[in-house]
Protein backbone atom coordinates (compact mmCIF):
# COMPACT_ATOMS: atom_id res chain seq x y z
CA MET A 1 -204.09 47.17 -179.54
CA ARG A 2 -204.54 43.98 -177.99
CA GLN A 3 -201.51 41.98 -177.44
CA THR A 4 -201.79 38.14 -177.57
CA THR A 5 -199.88 36.13 -175.44
CA CYS A 6 -198.87 31.94 -175.69
CA SER A 7 -197.97 29.28 -173.61
CA VAL A 8 -197.21 25.72 -174.10
CA PRO A 9 -198.78 23.54 -171.18
CA LEU A 10 -196.87 19.96 -170.52
CA ARG A 11 -198.89 17.95 -171.59
CA SER A 12 -198.65 19.21 -175.62
CA LEU A 13 -194.66 18.68 -174.97
CA LEU A 14 -194.52 15.11 -174.29
CA GLY A 15 -194.17 13.77 -177.27
CA LEU A 16 -191.20 16.15 -178.47
CA ALA A 17 -187.70 15.65 -178.58
CA LEU A 18 -184.69 16.99 -179.69
CA VAL A 19 -183.00 16.49 -182.69
CA LEU A 20 -179.36 17.53 -183.52
CA LEU A 21 -178.32 16.30 -187.08
CA VAL A 22 -175.56 15.48 -186.64
CA ALA A 23 -172.77 16.33 -189.99
CA PRO A 24 -169.77 14.04 -191.23
CA PRO A 25 -166.62 15.39 -190.60
CA ASN A 26 -165.41 18.33 -192.32
CA ARG A 27 -167.89 19.05 -194.24
CA ALA A 28 -169.83 22.11 -193.81
CA ARG A 29 -173.70 22.99 -194.45
CA ALA A 30 -175.26 26.15 -196.29
CA ASP A 31 -178.61 25.14 -196.11
CA ASP A 32 -180.63 27.29 -194.16
CA ALA A 33 -177.42 29.17 -192.45
CA ASP A 34 -176.58 26.72 -190.50
CA ALA A 35 -172.82 26.13 -191.43
CA LEU A 36 -171.53 27.81 -188.05
CA VAL A 37 -168.14 29.11 -188.76
CA PRO A 38 -165.92 30.13 -185.24
CA MET A 39 -165.81 33.21 -184.40
CA PRO A 40 -163.11 35.45 -182.83
CA PRO A 41 -162.53 35.02 -178.82
CA THR A 42 -163.92 37.89 -177.40
CA GLN A 43 -164.63 39.23 -173.81
CA PRO A 44 -168.27 37.54 -172.42
CA VAL A 45 -170.67 40.66 -171.12
CA ALA A 46 -172.20 39.09 -167.63
CA SER A 47 -174.30 41.88 -166.24
CA ALA A 48 -175.10 44.16 -169.90
CA PRO A 49 -179.22 44.20 -169.14
CA LEU A 50 -181.93 42.66 -171.18
CA PRO A 51 -183.04 44.46 -173.40
CA PRO A 52 -186.30 46.17 -173.15
CA ALA A 53 -189.41 44.58 -173.48
CA PRO A 54 -191.78 45.70 -176.77
CA ILE A 55 -194.61 47.45 -175.41
CA GLY A 56 -197.86 45.01 -174.47
CA LEU A 57 -195.51 42.46 -174.22
CA PRO A 58 -193.73 40.49 -171.56
CA ALA A 59 -190.74 42.27 -170.61
CA ALA A 60 -187.37 39.49 -170.76
CA GLY A 61 -187.22 37.55 -166.80
CA ASP A 62 -190.09 38.72 -165.07
CA ALA A 63 -191.60 35.13 -164.43
CA LEU A 64 -188.01 34.79 -162.93
CA ALA A 65 -188.00 37.34 -161.25
CA SER A 66 -188.24 36.19 -158.01
CA LEU A 67 -185.87 33.21 -158.09
CA ASP A 68 -182.87 36.90 -158.08
CA VAL A 69 -180.46 34.24 -159.92
CA ALA A 70 -177.95 36.18 -159.81
CA ALA A 71 -175.59 35.83 -163.57
CA GLY A 72 -174.14 32.44 -164.50
CA ALA A 73 -175.30 31.42 -161.01
CA ALA A 74 -177.01 27.85 -160.72
CA LEU A 75 -180.99 27.90 -160.59
CA ASP A 76 -182.01 26.59 -156.80
CA PRO A 77 -183.39 23.13 -158.39
CA GLU A 78 -186.36 22.66 -155.71
CA ALA A 79 -187.24 26.52 -156.59
CA LEU A 80 -186.99 25.73 -159.99
CA LEU A 81 -189.38 22.55 -159.14
CA ARG A 82 -191.87 24.81 -157.84
CA LEU A 83 -192.50 26.31 -160.57
CA ALA A 84 -192.12 24.18 -163.16
CA HIS A 85 -195.05 22.37 -161.33
CA SER A 86 -197.46 26.22 -161.30
CA GLY A 87 -196.82 25.35 -165.13
CA VAL A 88 -194.24 26.00 -167.76
CA ALA A 89 -195.95 29.46 -168.92
CA ALA A 90 -194.04 30.67 -165.59
CA LEU A 91 -190.85 29.70 -166.15
CA GLY A 92 -190.63 32.88 -169.57
CA PRO A 93 -189.45 32.28 -172.97
CA LEU A 94 -187.28 29.77 -172.68
CA SER A 95 -184.52 28.99 -175.79
CA ILE A 96 -183.80 25.39 -175.55
CA GLY A 97 -181.12 23.09 -178.00
CA THR A 98 -179.91 24.98 -180.45
CA PRO A 99 -181.09 26.91 -184.04
CA ASP A 100 -181.06 23.43 -185.89
CA ALA A 101 -182.34 21.34 -182.94
CA GLY A 102 -184.17 22.76 -180.07
CA LEU A 103 -187.75 24.02 -178.88
CA LEU A 104 -188.87 27.21 -177.66
CA LEU A 105 -191.52 27.19 -174.47
CA ASN A 106 -193.83 30.55 -173.74
CA PRO A 107 -192.59 31.67 -177.25
CA VAL A 108 -193.79 35.55 -177.94
CA PRO A 109 -195.81 37.08 -180.76
CA MET A 110 -194.04 39.04 -183.29
CA PRO A 111 -196.84 41.49 -182.87
CA SER A 112 -198.64 43.90 -185.56
CA GLY A 113 -196.35 46.95 -185.79
CA PRO A 114 -196.75 50.55 -187.59
CA TYR A 115 -193.62 49.97 -189.01
CA TRP A 116 -192.91 46.29 -190.72
CA SER A 117 -195.80 43.41 -191.58
CA LEU A 118 -195.36 40.02 -191.15
CA ARG A 119 -195.39 37.59 -194.00
CA HIS A 120 -196.45 34.39 -192.22
CA PRO A 121 -198.57 34.98 -188.15
CA LEU A 122 -198.69 32.29 -187.04
CA GLU A 123 -194.45 31.37 -187.72
CA ALA A 124 -193.58 34.40 -186.11
CA PHE A 125 -193.01 33.59 -182.73
CA GLY A 126 -190.06 33.92 -180.43
CA THR A 127 -188.71 34.87 -177.25
CA ALA A 128 -188.79 38.00 -175.65
CA GLU A 129 -184.96 39.19 -176.20
CA THR A 130 -185.37 38.33 -180.71
CA ILE A 131 -188.61 39.90 -180.87
CA ALA A 132 -187.42 43.28 -179.02
CA PHE A 133 -184.07 42.98 -181.06
CA ILE A 134 -185.98 43.07 -184.24
CA ILE A 135 -187.98 46.22 -182.83
CA THR A 136 -185.32 47.69 -181.27
CA ALA A 137 -183.81 47.66 -185.29
CA ILE A 138 -186.35 48.01 -187.20
CA GLU A 139 -187.26 51.01 -184.68
CA ASP A 140 -183.93 52.79 -185.03
CA VAL A 141 -184.07 53.04 -189.24
CA GLU A 142 -187.60 54.64 -188.87
CA ALA A 143 -185.43 57.00 -185.97
CA ARG A 144 -183.15 58.09 -188.73
CA PHE A 145 -185.37 57.88 -191.62
CA PRO A 146 -188.64 59.05 -190.98
CA GLY A 147 -191.47 57.41 -192.65
CA SER A 148 -189.78 55.26 -194.25
CA PRO A 149 -191.49 52.02 -195.97
CA ARG A 150 -192.97 48.45 -193.89
CA LEU A 151 -190.42 46.41 -193.62
CA VAL A 152 -191.36 42.71 -193.84
CA ILE A 153 -191.05 40.14 -191.73
CA GLY A 154 -190.53 36.75 -192.86
CA ASP A 155 -189.81 33.18 -190.40
CA ILE A 156 -188.68 33.07 -186.76
CA SER A 157 -190.11 30.08 -185.20
CA ARG A 158 -193.21 27.86 -184.78
CA SER A 159 -195.53 28.53 -181.37
CA ASP A 160 -193.61 25.37 -179.84
CA GLY A 161 -190.58 25.75 -181.58
CA GLY A 162 -188.86 22.23 -183.43
CA GLN A 163 -188.56 21.90 -187.27
CA LEU A 164 -190.36 24.51 -190.20
CA SER A 165 -190.71 22.69 -193.22
CA ARG A 166 -188.53 25.20 -195.01
CA HIS A 167 -185.93 25.88 -192.91
CA ARG A 168 -183.26 23.53 -190.94
CA SER A 169 -182.59 25.73 -188.10
CA HIS A 170 -185.50 28.81 -186.85
CA GLN A 171 -185.89 26.41 -183.77
CA ALA A 172 -185.37 27.88 -180.93
CA GLY A 173 -187.19 31.20 -181.70
CA ARG A 174 -183.74 32.70 -181.92
CA ASP A 175 -183.43 33.06 -185.64
CA ALA A 176 -185.45 35.32 -187.97
CA ASP A 177 -185.80 36.49 -192.04
CA ILE A 178 -186.25 40.41 -192.47
CA GLY A 179 -186.59 41.45 -195.62
CA PHE A 180 -184.49 44.49 -197.04
CA TYR A 181 -185.70 48.58 -197.50
CA TYR A 182 -186.05 48.67 -201.45
CA ALA A 183 -185.61 51.77 -203.88
CA ARG A 184 -188.92 51.64 -205.30
CA GLY A 185 -190.81 51.74 -201.57
CA GLY A 186 -192.34 49.18 -198.92
CA LEU A 187 -192.92 46.59 -200.99
CA ALA A 188 -195.85 42.96 -199.79
CA ASP A 189 -193.16 40.21 -199.90
CA PHE A 190 -189.83 39.38 -200.32
CA ALA A 191 -188.01 40.33 -203.48
CA ILE A 192 -184.68 39.27 -205.30
CA ALA A 193 -182.39 42.64 -205.21
CA ARG A 194 -180.70 42.23 -208.84
CA ARG A 195 -178.79 44.68 -208.34
CA ALA A 196 -177.67 47.83 -206.21
CA ARG A 197 -179.91 50.14 -207.22
CA ASP A 198 -182.70 47.95 -206.20
CA LEU A 199 -182.38 48.39 -203.07
CA ASP A 200 -182.57 51.64 -201.09
CA LEU A 201 -178.91 51.14 -199.35
CA ARG A 202 -179.17 54.08 -196.90
CA ARG A 203 -181.62 52.29 -195.12
CA THR A 204 -181.01 49.03 -195.84
CA TRP A 205 -177.59 49.72 -194.69
CA ALA A 206 -179.18 51.56 -191.38
CA LEU A 207 -181.12 48.40 -190.29
CA VAL A 208 -177.22 45.87 -190.25
CA ARG A 209 -175.83 48.18 -188.68
CA ALA A 210 -178.25 48.37 -185.45
CA PHE A 211 -178.31 44.50 -185.72
CA LEU A 212 -174.54 45.35 -184.99
CA THR A 213 -174.55 47.92 -182.78
CA ASP A 214 -178.01 47.52 -180.62
CA THR A 215 -178.56 43.09 -180.06
CA ASP A 216 -177.15 40.71 -178.74
CA VAL A 217 -176.37 39.73 -183.34
CA ASP A 218 -174.44 36.44 -183.38
CA ARG A 219 -174.47 36.08 -187.39
CA ILE A 220 -176.17 37.81 -190.47
CA PHE A 221 -176.44 35.69 -193.18
CA VAL A 222 -176.87 37.14 -196.75
CA ASP A 223 -176.00 36.58 -200.31
CA LYS A 224 -171.79 37.10 -200.86
CA SER A 225 -172.79 39.84 -204.24
CA LEU A 226 -174.83 42.28 -201.76
CA ILE A 227 -172.21 42.21 -199.29
CA ALA A 228 -170.61 43.14 -201.43
CA VAL A 229 -172.77 46.23 -201.93
CA LEU A 230 -173.24 46.58 -198.49
CA TYR A 231 -169.19 46.84 -197.94
CA ALA A 232 -168.72 49.32 -200.83
CA TYR A 233 -172.19 51.36 -199.29
CA ALA A 234 -171.13 51.70 -195.51
CA ARG A 235 -167.27 52.62 -197.08
CA GLY A 236 -167.47 54.62 -199.56
CA THR A 237 -170.85 56.79 -199.05
CA GLU A 238 -171.28 56.30 -195.15
CA LYS A 239 -167.62 56.40 -194.24
CA GLU A 240 -167.47 54.23 -191.46
CA ASP A 241 -164.45 53.23 -190.59
CA ARG A 242 -162.40 50.61 -191.79
CA ASP A 243 -160.96 48.49 -189.56
CA TRP A 244 -164.53 47.68 -188.01
CA LEU A 245 -166.16 47.33 -191.46
CA ASP A 246 -163.27 44.03 -192.05
CA ASP A 247 -163.90 42.73 -189.46
CA VAL A 248 -167.74 42.38 -188.77
CA PHE A 249 -167.69 41.58 -192.47
CA GLY A 250 -164.39 38.86 -192.29
CA ARG A 251 -160.65 39.98 -192.45
CA LEU A 252 -159.18 39.06 -195.42
CA GLY A 253 -156.35 36.35 -194.74
CA GLY A 254 -155.86 33.59 -191.94
CA GLY A 255 -159.43 32.14 -193.20
CA GLN A 256 -161.23 34.57 -189.77
CA LYS A 257 -165.28 35.29 -190.31
CA GLY A 258 -167.48 37.50 -189.37
CA ILE A 259 -171.08 37.99 -188.18
CA ILE A 260 -172.03 38.55 -191.80
CA GLN A 261 -171.62 35.59 -193.23
CA HIS A 262 -172.06 34.80 -197.31
CA VAL A 263 -175.20 31.63 -197.42
CA LYS A 264 -176.76 31.02 -200.92
CA GLY A 265 -179.85 32.25 -201.80
CA HIS A 266 -180.25 35.13 -199.55
CA ARG A 267 -181.02 37.49 -201.55
CA ASP A 268 -184.08 38.22 -201.24
CA HIS A 269 -183.91 38.50 -197.30
CA MET A 270 -181.35 38.62 -194.35
CA HIS A 271 -181.34 35.60 -192.18
CA VAL A 272 -180.56 37.28 -188.47
CA ARG A 273 -179.41 34.91 -185.46
CA PHE A 274 -179.71 36.09 -182.18
CA PHE A 275 -178.16 35.18 -179.22
CA ASN A 276 -180.34 35.16 -176.24
CA ARG A 277 -178.88 35.81 -172.55
CA GLN A 278 -181.47 34.79 -170.73
CA ALA A 279 -183.90 32.53 -172.24
CA GLN A 280 -181.39 30.16 -173.52
CA GLU A 281 -179.58 30.15 -170.20
CA TYR A 282 -182.47 28.74 -168.50
CA GLY A 283 -183.40 26.70 -171.13
CA ARG A 284 -180.23 25.01 -169.90
CA LEU A 285 -180.51 25.26 -166.57
CA VAL A 286 -184.45 23.79 -166.64
CA TYR A 287 -184.70 21.38 -169.69
CA PRO A 288 -183.08 18.27 -167.68
CA VAL A 289 -185.30 19.13 -164.89
CA LEU A 290 -188.09 18.98 -166.39
CA VAL A 291 -186.52 15.01 -168.01
CA GLU A 292 -186.22 14.52 -164.69
CA GLU A 293 -189.95 15.46 -164.28
CA GLY A 294 -190.90 13.68 -167.47
CA ALA A 295 -192.55 16.81 -168.61
CA LEU A 296 -190.13 16.65 -171.53
CA PRO A 297 -188.38 13.60 -173.19
CA PRO A 298 -185.01 13.17 -172.95
CA PRO A 299 -182.81 14.39 -175.89
CA ARG A 300 -181.06 12.32 -178.44
CA LEU A 301 -179.86 13.20 -181.91
CA THR A 302 -179.69 11.09 -185.22
CA HIS A 303 -176.44 10.61 -186.11
CA ARG A 304 -175.68 9.51 -190.25
CA ALA A 305 -173.53 6.32 -189.70
CA HIS A 306 -169.99 6.43 -191.97
CA ARG A 307 -167.96 3.04 -193.44
CA GLY A 308 -166.52 1.41 -190.24
CA GLU A 309 -168.22 2.89 -187.61
CA THR A 310 -169.69 0.36 -185.33
CA VAL A 311 -172.41 0.12 -182.86
CA THR A 312 -169.97 0.25 -179.85
CA SER A 313 -167.83 2.92 -181.26
CA LEU A 314 -171.33 4.75 -181.69
CA ALA A 315 -171.72 4.45 -178.15
CA ALA A 316 -168.00 5.20 -176.37
CA ARG A 317 -168.51 8.72 -178.84
CA PHE A 318 -172.09 9.52 -177.10
CA HIS A 319 -171.30 8.43 -173.92
CA THR A 320 -173.96 5.88 -173.92
CA THR A 321 -174.31 2.33 -174.51
CA PRO A 322 -175.13 0.06 -177.13
CA ALA A 323 -177.92 -2.12 -175.59
CA ALA A 324 -179.46 1.42 -175.47
CA ILE A 325 -178.70 2.01 -178.94
CA ARG A 326 -179.77 -0.77 -180.23
CA GLU A 327 -183.31 -0.44 -178.35
CA ALA A 328 -183.78 3.47 -179.94
CA ASN A 329 -183.78 1.45 -183.33
CA ARG A 330 -185.22 -1.89 -183.31
CA MET A 331 -182.19 -3.32 -184.24
CA ARG A 332 -182.05 -6.68 -183.18
CA GLY A 333 -178.34 -7.10 -184.04
CA SER A 334 -175.59 -5.22 -183.87
CA ARG A 335 -174.59 -3.57 -187.88
CA LEU A 336 -174.77 -0.84 -189.04
CA ARG A 337 -175.84 0.25 -192.97
CA THR A 338 -173.46 2.86 -194.16
CA GLY A 339 -175.65 6.54 -194.82
CA HIS A 340 -178.00 5.50 -193.05
CA SER A 341 -179.64 7.25 -190.08
CA TYR A 342 -179.79 6.39 -186.46
CA VAL A 343 -181.60 7.62 -183.25
CA ILE A 344 -178.99 7.67 -180.73
CA PRO A 345 -179.78 8.51 -177.22
CA VAL A 346 -177.81 11.01 -175.01
CA ARG A 347 -177.72 11.54 -171.12
CA VAL A 348 -177.14 15.39 -171.98
CA MET A 349 -176.95 17.11 -174.87
CA PRO A 350 -174.18 18.86 -177.04
CA GLY A 351 -173.29 21.97 -174.30
CA GLU A 352 -175.85 21.48 -171.92
CA LEU A 353 -172.68 21.41 -169.15
CA THR A 354 -171.67 24.73 -170.28
CA PRO A 355 -173.47 28.09 -169.22
CA VAL A 356 -174.19 30.52 -171.85
CA VAL A 357 -171.68 32.96 -172.52
CA VAL A 358 -172.95 36.14 -174.94
CA PRO A 359 -169.39 37.73 -176.22
CA ALA A 360 -169.69 41.59 -176.53
CA ARG A 361 -170.70 43.75 -178.41
CA ARG A 362 -168.32 44.09 -181.62
CA LEU A 363 -168.79 48.31 -181.90
CA PRO A 364 -167.17 50.94 -184.22
CA PRO A 365 -165.16 53.77 -182.88
CA ALA A 366 -165.88 57.16 -183.33
CA HIS A 367 -168.07 57.87 -186.42
CA SER A 368 -164.85 58.76 -188.59
CA ALA A 369 -164.00 59.86 -192.19
CA GLN A 370 -160.84 59.01 -193.02
CA THR A 371 -160.92 58.07 -196.94
CA GLU A 372 -157.89 55.79 -196.65
CA ARG A 373 -159.28 52.52 -198.35
CA SER A 374 -158.80 48.63 -197.19
CA PRO A 375 -157.30 45.30 -199.94
CA LEU A 376 -161.04 44.07 -198.74
CA GLU A 377 -162.77 47.41 -199.62
CA LEU A 378 -160.83 47.35 -203.14
CA GLN A 379 -161.50 43.96 -204.05
CA LEU A 380 -164.82 43.91 -203.28
CA SER A 381 -165.66 48.06 -204.43
CA SER A 382 -163.70 47.07 -208.13
CA GLY A 383 -166.69 44.10 -207.87
CA VAL A 384 -169.50 46.42 -206.94
CA ASN A 385 -171.62 46.79 -210.28
CA HIS A 386 -170.86 42.72 -211.11
CA ALA A 387 -172.09 41.32 -207.93
CA GLY A 388 -175.12 43.68 -207.78
CA ALA A 389 -176.56 42.33 -210.59
CA GLY A 390 -174.60 39.00 -211.88
CA GLY A 391 -176.86 37.30 -208.95
CA GLY A 392 -180.21 37.36 -211.30
CA SER A 393 -178.61 37.67 -214.56
């Protein structure tokens, strides 16, 4: 099968800007899985290998291999400029910015395959790492359960990144909407799982487990009713290690969240977000150079003004000048309207100076057959039938 690749020329990116929506303090944004919760501290993995590229797709990092970049080392700016001058495509897939304020350069399309179907092919572009992770997890399920029905793959990103009409995130090639396996077999589209028995729990848990163990997953967002069902199945039927499940699903007490987190409305698919060791780090390093060269616009933030804020206080907070804020917003005076959104030009994006650190994968111990039940298991299992049926009735 012939595969297609996409590249974005420099001139087509001149009008794009990174826009970071700054939420009010202490106010979580739950829509579309954008409310991020602190993760447990883990040790960085600097030397873990990149995922293999799917057959017919470019391997992550091939385009930059000649630069001989060690993990965590800064690129030689002159070498980077020479590569950039030869065309943006020479830089390889890059994830720039954050999931809800980012760009995707040199995207890789999610290819057709025997084990999945694409819901919106024109919005199924990602980095090479993201595409490889998705395929790896699906192939893990097929290896365990041969003859599995096709899994529906939803939105990943547009070919140029940026905002999708239905999402606040999905902008940088690292988010993917992934369907479930259903008890009635393969479906052509997402379908709400109203009861536990609607799901093929063997295959759906195998998919979630593959994301947890075989990819650099950041978050898995799904509705809490299905979280209860998945936890009970993993512990009760698969006999997964109790402590590991409490870790990835979130321990009781202490306010500690796991990788698998609730987001309202995700009862017909899961939203999976990945770390990209290479695409993120190279994007972080390349972006300032491309801005300096005029290939991309400088970053900017969009901030909703709160009572008591002034142009001067915003300038101090975001390390810019009052004049720059007034110019960006075509303001004659310095008054801010409470609740109005203002563009804030900045010199660097938050996190731009910090190297990307991918946490170690939180792997389970050897498969355990212990039957002791944790407080979390007792609480969830007591409401499995209600949780599986309650969301849709």
